[in-house]
Amino acid sequence: MSYGLGAYKKTSVETASKEQILLMLYQAAIKNCKKAIEAIEQKNIAKKGEYIGKMQDIVVELSNSLDFEVGGDVAKELASLYDYVLYSSTQANIKIDKSHLEGCLRVLNTLYDGWTEAIKQIKTQTKSA
């Protein structure tokens, strides 16, 4: 059963568009942030660190993918937001304080919603052209 799910996930990533992959990354970061908050609430320190680490890995990948020549000010703003998420999640990990992660979650959700809307608009414009 596990193999089938793994194969499905691998295929879905391999056949996804760049936009879909971007949204998948945000979804995974949000999921891990929520799980880290739950782990803090349950006082499961090991799981807290695991989920924060996974979220940070995703955010680092998002940050590394920024193109400052093409993205300009938008890329700079995104870099600042990613830096905030990395700093705050590190503080949450050190202090075992979910409030830092709640701030990360707000940022990640806002970015996810923004990208979702931007992708819809681009698809609409492409169909109209």
N, C-alpha and C. Protein backbone atom coordinates (compact mmCIF):
# COMPACT_ATOMS: atom_id res chain seq x y z
N MET A 1 0.83 -1.19 0.00
CA MET A 1 0.00 0.00 0.00
C MET A 1 0.87 1.24 0.00
N SER A 2 1.89 1.24 0.83
CA SER A 2 2.80 2.37 0.92
C SER A 2 3.51 2.61 -0.40
N TYR A 3 3.91 1.53 -1.08
CA TYR A 3 4.59 1.66 -2.36
C TYR A 3 3.69 2.37 -3.37
N GLY A 4 2.43 2.00 -3.42
CA GLY A 4 1.49 2.62 -4.36
C GLY A 4 1.35 4.11 -4.12
N LEU A 5 1.25 4.50 -2.87
CA LEU A 5 1.14 5.91 -2.53
C LEU A 5 2.41 6.65 -2.92
N GLY A 6 3.56 6.05 -2.63
CA GLY A 6 4.83 6.67 -2.99
C GLY A 6 4.97 6.84 -4.50
N ALA A 7 4.58 5.82 -5.24
CA ALA A 7 4.64 5.88 -6.70
C ALA A 7 3.70 6.96 -7.23
N TYR A 8 2.51 7.04 -6.64
CA TYR A 8 1.55 8.07 -7.06
C TYR A 8 2.11 9.47 -6.81
N LYS A 9 2.68 9.68 -5.61
CA LYS A 9 3.25 10.99 -5.29
C LYS A 9 4.39 11.34 -6.23
N LYS A 10 5.25 10.37 -6.51
CA LYS A 10 6.38 10.61 -7.41
C LYS A 10 5.87 10.98 -8.79
N THR A 11 4.89 10.27 -9.30
CA THR A 11 4.33 10.55 -10.62
C THR A 11 3.67 11.90 -10.65
N SER A 12 2.94 12.25 -9.59
CA SER A 12 2.25 13.54 -9.58
C SER A 12 3.25 14.70 -9.58
N VAL A 13 4.38 14.54 -8.92
CA VAL A 13 5.40 15.59 -8.92
C VAL A 13 6.09 15.65 -10.28
N GLU A 14 6.40 14.49 -10.84
CA GLU A 14 7.11 14.46 -12.13
C GLU A 14 6.27 15.00 -13.28
N THR A 15 4.95 14.91 -13.17
CA THR A 15 4.08 15.39 -14.26
C THR A 15 3.47 16.75 -13.97
N ALA A 16 3.81 17.35 -12.84
CA ALA A 16 3.23 18.63 -12.45
C ALA A 16 3.93 19.78 -13.17
N SER A 17 3.17 20.84 -13.39
CA SER A 17 3.74 22.06 -13.95
C SER A 17 4.54 22.78 -12.86
N LYS A 18 5.33 23.76 -13.27
CA LYS A 18 6.09 24.55 -12.29
C LYS A 18 5.16 25.20 -11.27
N GLU A 19 4.02 25.66 -11.75
CA GLU A 19 3.06 26.31 -10.85
C GLU A 19 2.51 25.33 -9.83
N GLN A 20 2.19 24.12 -10.30
CA GLN A 20 1.66 23.10 -9.39
C GLN A 20 2.71 22.70 -8.36
N ILE A 21 3.96 22.60 -8.78
CA ILE A 21 5.03 22.25 -7.85
C ILE A 21 5.19 23.34 -6.80
N LEU A 22 5.12 24.59 -7.21
CA LEU A 22 5.21 25.70 -6.26
C LEU A 22 4.11 25.59 -5.21
N LEU A 23 2.88 25.34 -5.66
CA LEU A 23 1.77 25.22 -4.71
C LEU A 23 1.93 23.99 -3.82
N MET A 24 2.46 22.89 -4.38
CA MET A 24 2.71 21.68 -3.57
C MET A 24 3.73 21.98 -2.47
N LEU A 25 4.75 22.75 -2.80
CA LEU A 25 5.77 23.10 -1.80
C LEU A 25 5.15 23.91 -0.67
N TYR A 26 4.33 24.89 -1.03
CA TYR A 26 3.66 25.68 0.02
C TYR A 26 2.74 24.80 0.86
N GLN A 27 2.00 23.92 0.21
CA GLN A 27 1.10 23.03 0.96
C GLN A 27 1.88 22.17 1.95
N ALA A 28 3.02 21.66 1.51
CA ALA A 28 3.83 20.82 2.40
C ALA A 28 4.42 21.64 3.54
N ALA A 29 4.85 22.86 3.27
CA ALA A 29 5.38 23.72 4.33
C ALA A 29 4.29 24.04 5.35
N ILE A 30 3.10 24.35 4.87
CA ILE A 30 1.97 24.65 5.75
C ILE A 30 1.62 23.42 6.59
N LYS A 31 1.57 22.26 5.96
CA LYS A 31 1.25 21.02 6.68
C LYS A 31 2.26 20.76 7.80
N ASN A 32 3.54 20.91 7.49
CA ASN A 32 4.57 20.66 8.49
C ASN A 32 4.55 21.71 9.59
N CYS A 33 4.22 22.94 9.26
CA CYS A 33 4.10 23.98 10.28
C CYS A 33 2.96 23.64 11.24
N LYS A 34 1.83 23.23 10.70
CA LYS A 34 0.69 22.84 11.54
C LYS A 34 1.03 21.65 12.43
N LYS A 35 1.74 20.68 11.86
CA LYS A 35 2.14 19.50 12.64
C LYS A 35 3.12 19.89 13.75
N ALA A 36 3.99 20.85 13.48
CA ALA A 36 4.93 21.31 14.51
C ALA A 36 4.18 22.00 15.64
N ILE A 37 3.16 22.78 15.31
CA ILE A 37 2.34 23.43 16.33
C ILE A 37 1.66 22.37 17.19
N GLU A 38 1.09 21.36 16.55
CA GLU A 38 0.44 20.27 17.29
C GLU A 38 1.45 19.55 18.18
N ALA A 39 2.64 19.32 17.67
CA ALA A 39 3.67 18.62 18.46
C ALA A 39 4.04 19.43 19.70
N ILE A 40 4.11 20.76 19.57
CA ILE A 40 4.39 21.60 20.74
C ILE A 40 3.25 21.48 21.74
N GLU A 41 2.01 21.53 21.24
CA GLU A 41 0.85 21.41 22.13
C GLU A 41 0.84 20.06 22.85
N GLN A 42 1.32 19.02 22.19
CA GLN A 42 1.37 17.68 22.78
C GLN A 42 2.66 17.42 23.53
N LYS A 43 3.52 18.44 23.58
CA LYS A 43 4.82 18.35 24.26
C LYS A 43 5.70 17.23 23.68
N ASN A 44 5.57 17.02 22.38
CA ASN A 44 6.38 16.03 21.68
C ASN A 44 7.55 16.77 21.02
N ILE A 45 8.61 16.94 21.78
CA ILE A 45 9.74 17.77 21.37
C ILE A 45 10.44 17.19 20.14
N ALA A 46 10.60 15.88 20.06
CA ALA A 46 11.28 15.28 18.92
C ALA A 46 10.52 15.54 17.62
N LYS A 47 9.22 15.34 17.64
CA LYS A 47 8.40 15.56 16.45
C LYS A 47 8.38 17.05 16.07
N LYS A 48 8.36 17.92 17.08
CA LYS A 48 8.39 19.37 16.82
C LYS A 48 9.60 19.70 15.97
N GLY A 49 10.76 19.21 16.38
CA GLY A 49 11.99 19.48 15.65
C GLY A 49 11.98 18.89 14.25
N GLU A 50 11.42 17.70 14.13
CA GLU A 50 11.33 17.03 12.82
C GLU A 50 10.48 17.85 11.85
N TYR A 51 9.30 18.28 12.30
CA TYR A 51 8.40 19.03 11.43
C TYR A 51 8.94 20.42 11.11
N ILE A 52 9.54 21.06 12.07
CA ILE A 52 10.14 22.37 11.81
C ILE A 52 11.27 22.22 10.79
N GLY A 53 12.08 21.18 10.94
CA GLY A 53 13.17 20.93 9.99
C GLY A 53 12.66 20.73 8.57
N LYS A 54 11.58 19.97 8.43
CA LYS A 54 11.00 19.74 7.10
C LYS A 54 10.48 21.05 6.51
N MET A 55 9.79 21.83 7.34
CA MET A 55 9.27 23.11 6.86
C MET A 55 10.41 24.01 6.43
N GLN A 56 11.47 24.07 7.23
CA GLN A 56 12.60 24.92 6.90
C GLN A 56 13.29 24.47 5.61
N ASP A 57 13.40 23.17 5.41
CA ASP A 57 14.00 22.66 4.17
C ASP A 57 13.22 23.17 2.95
N ILE A 58 11.91 23.15 3.04
CA ILE A 58 11.07 23.61 1.93
C ILE A 58 11.26 25.11 1.72
N VAL A 59 11.26 25.87 2.80
CA VAL A 59 11.41 27.32 2.68
C VAL A 59 12.79 27.68 2.10
N VAL A 60 13.81 26.94 2.49
CA VAL A 60 15.15 27.16 1.92
C VAL A 60 15.11 26.90 0.41
N GLU A 61 14.45 25.84 -0.01
CA GLU A 61 14.33 25.56 -1.45
C GLU A 61 13.59 26.68 -2.17
N LEU A 62 12.50 27.16 -1.57
CA LEU A 62 11.76 28.28 -2.18
C LEU A 62 12.66 29.51 -2.29
N SER A 63 13.42 29.77 -1.25
CA SER A 63 14.32 30.92 -1.24
C SER A 63 15.41 30.76 -2.30
N ASN A 64 15.98 29.57 -2.39
CA ASN A 64 17.04 29.32 -3.37
C ASN A 64 16.55 29.43 -4.81
N SER A 65 15.27 29.26 -5.01
CA SER A 65 14.73 29.29 -6.38
C SER A 65 14.41 30.71 -6.86
N LEU A 66 14.55 31.69 -5.98
CA LEU A 66 14.25 33.07 -6.37
C LEU A 66 15.24 33.57 -7.42
N ASP A 67 14.72 34.27 -8.42
CA ASP A 67 15.54 34.88 -9.47
C ASP A 67 15.42 36.39 -9.32
N PHE A 68 16.43 37.01 -8.75
CA PHE A 68 16.37 38.43 -8.46
C PHE A 68 16.44 39.30 -9.71
N GLU A 69 17.03 38.78 -10.78
CA GLU A 69 17.08 39.54 -12.03
C GLU A 69 15.70 39.64 -12.66
N VAL A 70 14.98 38.54 -12.65
CA VAL A 70 13.65 38.52 -13.24
C VAL A 70 12.62 39.07 -12.25
N GLY A 71 12.72 38.65 -10.99
CA GLY A 71 11.71 38.99 -9.99
C GLY A 71 11.82 40.38 -9.39
N GLY A 72 13.01 40.96 -9.42
CA GLY A 72 13.19 42.32 -8.91
C GLY A 72 12.74 42.48 -7.47
N ASP A 73 11.91 43.50 -7.25
CA ASP A 73 11.43 43.82 -5.91
C ASP A 73 10.58 42.71 -5.31
N VAL A 74 9.81 42.03 -6.14
CA VAL A 74 8.98 40.93 -5.65
C VAL A 74 9.87 39.83 -5.06
N ALA A 75 10.94 39.50 -5.76
CA ALA A 75 11.87 38.47 -5.27
C ALA A 75 12.51 38.92 -3.96
N LYS A 76 12.84 40.20 -3.85
CA LYS A 76 13.43 40.72 -2.61
C LYS A 76 12.45 40.61 -1.45
N GLU A 77 11.20 40.93 -1.71
CA GLU A 77 10.17 40.84 -0.66
C GLU A 77 9.95 39.38 -0.24
N LEU A 78 9.91 38.49 -1.23
CA LEU A 78 9.76 37.07 -0.90
C LEU A 78 10.95 36.58 -0.08
N ALA A 79 12.15 37.00 -0.45
CA ALA A 79 13.34 36.61 0.30
C ALA A 79 13.23 37.06 1.76
N SER A 80 12.73 38.26 1.96
CA SER A 80 12.55 38.78 3.33
C SER A 80 11.53 37.95 4.10
N LEU A 81 10.44 37.58 3.43
CA LEU A 81 9.43 36.76 4.10
C LEU A 81 9.97 35.38 4.42
N TYR A 82 10.72 34.80 3.51
CA TYR A 82 11.32 33.50 3.78
C TYR A 82 12.31 33.58 4.94
N ASP A 83 13.08 34.67 4.99
CA ASP A 83 14.02 34.86 6.10
C ASP A 83 13.26 34.95 7.43
N TYR A 84 12.13 35.66 7.41
CA TYR A 84 11.30 35.77 8.62
C TYR A 84 10.83 34.39 9.06
N VAL A 85 10.33 33.59 8.11
CA VAL A 85 9.83 32.25 8.44
C VAL A 85 10.96 31.39 9.02
N LEU A 86 12.13 31.46 8.42
CA LEU A 86 13.26 30.67 8.92
C LEU A 86 13.67 31.12 10.31
N TYR A 87 13.74 32.44 10.53
CA TYR A 87 14.14 32.96 11.84
C TYR A 87 13.08 32.59 12.89
N SER A 88 11.82 32.84 12.58
CA SER A 88 10.75 32.58 13.55
C SER A 88 10.63 31.10 13.88
N SER A 89 10.77 30.25 12.87
CA SER A 89 10.66 28.82 13.14
C SER A 89 11.86 28.33 13.96
N THR A 90 13.01 28.94 13.77
CA THR A 90 14.17 28.60 14.60
C THR A 90 13.92 29.01 16.05
N GLN A 91 13.34 30.18 16.23
CA GLN A 91 12.99 30.64 17.58
C GLN A 91 11.97 29.70 18.22
N ALA A 92 10.99 29.27 17.44
CA ALA A 92 9.98 28.33 17.94
C ALA A 92 10.64 27.03 18.37
N ASN A 93 11.62 26.59 17.61
CA ASN A 93 12.30 25.34 17.91
C ASN A 93 13.13 25.47 19.18
N ILE A 94 13.82 26.58 19.32
CA ILE A 94 14.67 26.80 20.49
C ILE A 94 13.83 27.02 21.75
N LYS A 95 12.81 27.86 21.64
CA LYS A 95 12.02 28.27 22.81
C LYS A 95 10.82 27.36 23.07
N ILE A 96 10.59 26.42 22.15
CA ILE A 96 9.42 25.53 22.23
C ILE A 96 8.16 26.39 22.43
N ASP A 97 7.98 27.33 21.49
CA ASP A 97 6.91 28.33 21.57
C ASP A 97 6.14 28.35 20.26
N LYS A 98 4.89 27.90 20.32
CA LYS A 98 4.09 27.80 19.09
C LYS A 98 3.70 29.16 18.51
N SER A 99 3.76 30.23 19.28
CA SER A 99 3.37 31.55 18.76
C SER A 99 4.26 31.96 17.59
N HIS A 100 5.53 31.57 17.63
CA HIS A 100 6.43 31.87 16.51
C HIS A 100 5.99 31.12 15.25
N LEU A 101 5.53 29.90 15.44
CA LEU A 101 5.06 29.10 14.30
C LEU A 101 3.73 29.62 13.76
N GLU A 102 2.91 30.15 14.64
CA GLU A 102 1.63 30.72 14.18
C GLU A 102 1.88 31.89 13.24
N GLY A 103 2.92 32.68 13.52
CA GLY A 103 3.31 33.76 12.61
C GLY A 103 3.78 33.20 11.28
N CYS A 104 4.57 32.14 11.32
CA CYS A 104 5.04 31.48 10.09
C CYS A 104 3.85 30.98 9.29
N LEU A 105 2.90 30.38 9.96
CA LEU A 105 1.73 29.82 9.30
C LEU A 105 0.93 30.91 8.59
N ARG A 106 0.78 32.06 9.23
CA ARG A 106 0.07 33.18 8.59
C ARG A 106 0.78 33.61 7.30
N VAL A 107 2.10 33.73 7.37
CA VAL A 107 2.87 34.14 6.19
C VAL A 107 2.73 33.10 5.09
N LEU A 108 2.92 31.83 5.42
CA LEU A 108 2.85 30.77 4.42
C LEU A 108 1.46 30.68 3.78
N ASN A 109 0.41 30.81 4.60
CA ASN A 109 -0.95 30.78 4.06
C ASN A 109 -1.21 31.97 3.13
N THR A 110 -0.73 33.13 3.53
CA THR A 110 -0.91 34.33 2.70
C THR A 110 -0.19 34.17 1.37
N LEU A 111 1.04 33.67 1.40
CA LEU A 111 1.79 33.45 0.16
C LEU A 111 1.11 32.39 -0.71
N TYR A 112 0.65 31.32 -0.10
CA TYR A 112 -0.05 30.27 -0.85
C TYR A 112 -1.29 30.84 -1.54
N ASP A 113 -2.09 31.59 -0.78
CA ASP A 113 -3.30 32.19 -1.35
C ASP A 113 -2.95 33.15 -2.50
N GLY A 114 -1.90 33.94 -2.30
CA GLY A 114 -1.47 34.89 -3.33
C GLY A 114 -1.02 34.19 -4.60
N TRP A 115 -0.21 33.14 -4.45
CA TRP A 115 0.25 32.40 -5.62
C TRP A 115 -0.91 31.69 -6.31
N THR A 116 -1.83 31.15 -5.53
CA THR A 116 -3.00 30.47 -6.12
C THR A 116 -3.78 31.44 -6.99
N GLU A 117 -4.00 32.63 -6.47
CA GLU A 117 -4.74 33.65 -7.22
C GLU A 117 -3.96 34.11 -8.45
N ALA A 118 -2.67 34.32 -8.30
CA ALA A 118 -1.84 34.76 -9.44
C ALA A 118 -1.85 33.72 -10.55
N ILE A 119 -1.77 32.45 -10.18
CA ILE A 119 -1.77 31.37 -11.18
C ILE A 119 -3.12 31.32 -11.90
N LYS A 120 -4.21 31.50 -11.16
CA LYS A 120 -5.54 31.53 -11.78
C LYS A 120 -5.63 32.66 -12.79
N GLN A 121 -5.13 33.83 -12.41
CA GLN A 121 -5.19 34.99 -13.31
C GLN A 121 -4.36 34.77 -14.56
N ILE A 122 -3.19 34.18 -14.41
CA ILE A 122 -2.33 33.91 -15.58
C ILE A 122 -3.02 32.93 -16.51
N LYS A 123 -3.63 31.90 -15.96
CA LYS A 123 -4.32 30.91 -16.78
C LYS A 123 -5.50 31.56 -17.51
N THR A 124 -6.22 32.44 -16.84
CA THR A 124 -7.35 33.14 -17.45
C THR A 124 -6.86 34.04 -18.58
N GLN A 125 -5.76 34.75 -18.34
CA GLN A 125 -5.21 35.64 -19.39
C GLN A 125 -4.70 34.85 -20.57
N THR A 126 -4.10 33.70 -20.31
CA THR A 126 -3.57 32.85 -21.38
C THR A 126 -4.71 32.32 -22.25
N LYS A 127 -5.81 31.95 -21.63
CA LYS A 127 -6.96 31.44 -22.38
C LYS A 127 -7.59 32.54 -23.21
N SER A 128 -7.58 33.77 -22.70
CA SER A 128 -8.19 34.89 -23.41
C SER A 128 -7.35 35.32 -24.61
N ALA A 129 -6.04 35.09 -24.54
CA ALA A 129 -5.14 35.58 -25.61
C ALA A 129 -5.16 34.75 -26.85
